[in-house]
Amino acid sequence: MIGITAAGVGVEQILLTKPTLALPDSQRWLICASVALCALAVSILHRFGVIRYCKIRSQYRLGGAVVLLAIAIFGKGLLPVAVIALVGVVSAAQVVQDLYQSRPTTRLVDPEI
């Protein structure tokens, strides 16, 4: 829960900054670390089977958290829109990977019907 709350605060802080100035370190760390914390939590839940036991999903989530922390570390001087875009791309990649790996929930795709 703390990661989701911190991400919301981070987005609010970023929206209040001037879009033509580089994002301050504290705000960059807040948004990147909070979303990374959420990805790490989901990775742990996948790893131990609380959500669905899946090692590859756990690894993708962990990889996403590492990329987000890399953005926080090496993203000094980035504009707010660039930081939000990079965080969005990492998050969207997680969703696409999850959809790609999901199983069909209906039998409409079965050719036997």
Protein backbone atom coordinates (compact mmCIF):
# COMPACT_ATOMS: atom_id res chain seq x y z
CA MET A 1 0.00 0.00 0.00
CA ILE A 2 2.81 2.41 0.78
CA GLY A 3 4.19 2.10 -2.75
CA ILE A 4 0.85 2.98 -4.34
CA THR A 5 0.35 5.93 -2.01
CA ALA A 6 3.88 7.20 -2.62
CA ALA A 7 3.41 6.84 -6.38
CA GLY A 8 0.28 8.98 -6.18
CA VAL A 9 2.12 11.64 -4.20
CA GLY A 10 5.01 11.45 -6.69
CA VAL A 11 2.71 12.02 -9.64
CA GLU A 12 1.09 14.96 -7.85
CA GLN A 13 4.49 16.50 -7.09
CA ILE A 14 5.63 16.05 -10.68
CA LEU A 15 2.48 17.68 -12.01
CA LEU A 16 3.19 20.72 -9.82
CA THR A 17 6.74 21.19 -11.15
CA LYS A 18 7.70 23.39 -14.06
CA PRO A 19 7.80 21.23 -17.21
CA THR A 20 10.81 23.02 -18.71
CA LEU A 21 13.12 22.45 -15.73
CA ALA A 22 14.87 19.22 -14.82
CA LEU A 23 12.98 17.18 -12.26
CA PRO A 24 14.49 17.54 -8.76
CA ASP A 25 16.25 14.48 -7.40
CA SER A 26 13.80 13.99 -4.54
CA GLN A 27 10.79 13.86 -6.85
CA ARG A 28 12.54 11.59 -9.35
CA TRP A 29 13.47 9.22 -6.55
CA LEU A 30 9.96 9.34 -5.10
CA ILE A 31 8.20 8.29 -8.30
CA CYS A 32 10.80 5.75 -9.43
CA ALA A 33 11.33 4.15 -6.03
CA SER A 34 7.61 3.95 -5.26
CA VAL A 35 6.75 2.22 -8.53
CA ALA A 36 9.82 -0.01 -8.09
CA LEU A 37 8.55 -0.92 -4.62
CA CYS A 38 5.20 -1.94 -6.12
CA ALA A 39 6.94 -4.05 -8.78
CA LEU A 40 9.13 -5.67 -6.15
CA ALA A 41 6.10 -6.50 -3.99
CA VAL A 42 4.30 -8.09 -6.94
CA SER A 43 7.50 -9.99 -7.79
CA ILE A 44 7.61 -11.45 -4.29
CA LEU A 45 3.93 -12.36 -4.45
CA HIS A 46 4.46 -14.17 -7.77
CA ARG A 47 7.58 -15.91 -6.49
CA PHE A 48 5.87 -17.40 -3.45
CA GLY A 49 2.57 -18.18 -5.18
CA VAL A 50 0.34 -15.74 -3.34
CA ILE A 51 -0.99 -14.33 -6.63
CA ARG A 52 0.00 -17.10 -9.02
CA TYR A 53 3.18 -19.09 -8.74
CA CYS A 54 5.21 -17.99 -11.75
CA LYS A 55 8.97 -17.63 -11.70
CA ILE A 56 9.21 -15.83 -15.04
CA ARG A 57 6.67 -13.18 -14.02
CA SER A 58 8.56 -12.72 -10.80
CA GLN A 59 11.77 -12.18 -12.76
CA TYR A 60 10.13 -9.67 -15.09
CA ARG A 61 8.77 -7.69 -12.14
CA LEU A 62 12.17 -7.75 -10.45
CA GLY A 63 13.81 -6.62 -13.68
CA GLY A 64 11.32 -3.77 -13.96
CA ALA A 65 12.14 -2.67 -10.42
CA VAL A 66 15.85 -2.65 -11.25
CA VAL A 67 15.24 -0.57 -14.39
CA LEU A 68 13.16 1.90 -12.39
CA LEU A 69 15.91 2.27 -9.82
CA ALA A 70 18.40 2.79 -12.65
CA ILE A 71 16.21 5.63 -13.93
CA ALA A 72 16.25 7.13 -10.45
CA ILE A 73 20.03 6.84 -10.20
CA PHE A 74 21.04 7.89 -13.70
CA GLY A 75 18.11 10.17 -14.58
CA LYS A 76 19.60 13.39 -13.25
CA GLY A 77 18.72 16.27 -15.55
CA LEU A 78 15.70 14.60 -17.15
CA LEU A 79 12.56 16.64 -17.69
CA PRO A 80 9.42 15.63 -15.79
CA VAL A 81 7.72 14.36 -18.94
CA ALA A 82 10.73 12.14 -19.70
CA VAL A 83 10.71 10.58 -16.24
CA ILE A 84 6.97 9.93 -16.38
CA ALA A 85 7.33 8.51 -19.91
CA LEU A 86 10.13 6.15 -18.87
CA VAL A 87 8.21 4.96 -15.81
CA GLY A 88 5.16 4.49 -18.04
CA VAL A 89 7.13 2.46 -20.59
CA VAL A 90 8.50 0.15 -17.89
CA SER A 91 5.02 -0.29 -16.42
CA ALA A 92 3.41 -0.85 -19.82
CA ALA A 93 6.04 -3.48 -20.63
CA GLN A 94 5.01 -5.32 -17.46
CA VAL A 95 1.36 -5.28 -18.54
CA VAL A 96 2.17 -6.44 -22.08
CA GLN A 97 4.31 -9.26 -20.74
CA ASP A 98 1.53 -10.30 -18.38
CA LEU A 99 -1.06 -10.30 -21.17
CA TYR A 100 1.28 -12.22 -23.46
CA GLN A 101 1.76 -14.92 -20.85
CA SER A 102 -1.83 -15.17 -19.66
CA ARG A 103 -3.97 -18.13 -20.55
CA PRO A 104 -7.29 -17.73 -22.34
CA THR A 105 -10.19 -17.57 -19.92
CA THR A 106 -12.89 -18.71 -22.33
CA ARG A 107 -13.23 -21.72 -24.53
CA LEU A 108 -14.16 -19.59 -27.51
CA VAL A 109 -10.59 -19.80 -28.76
CA ASP A 110 -10.65 -23.62 -28.72
CA PRO A 111 -10.99 -25.03 -32.24
CA GLU A 112 -12.82 -28.08 -30.82
CA ILE A 113 -16.04 -26.15 -30.22
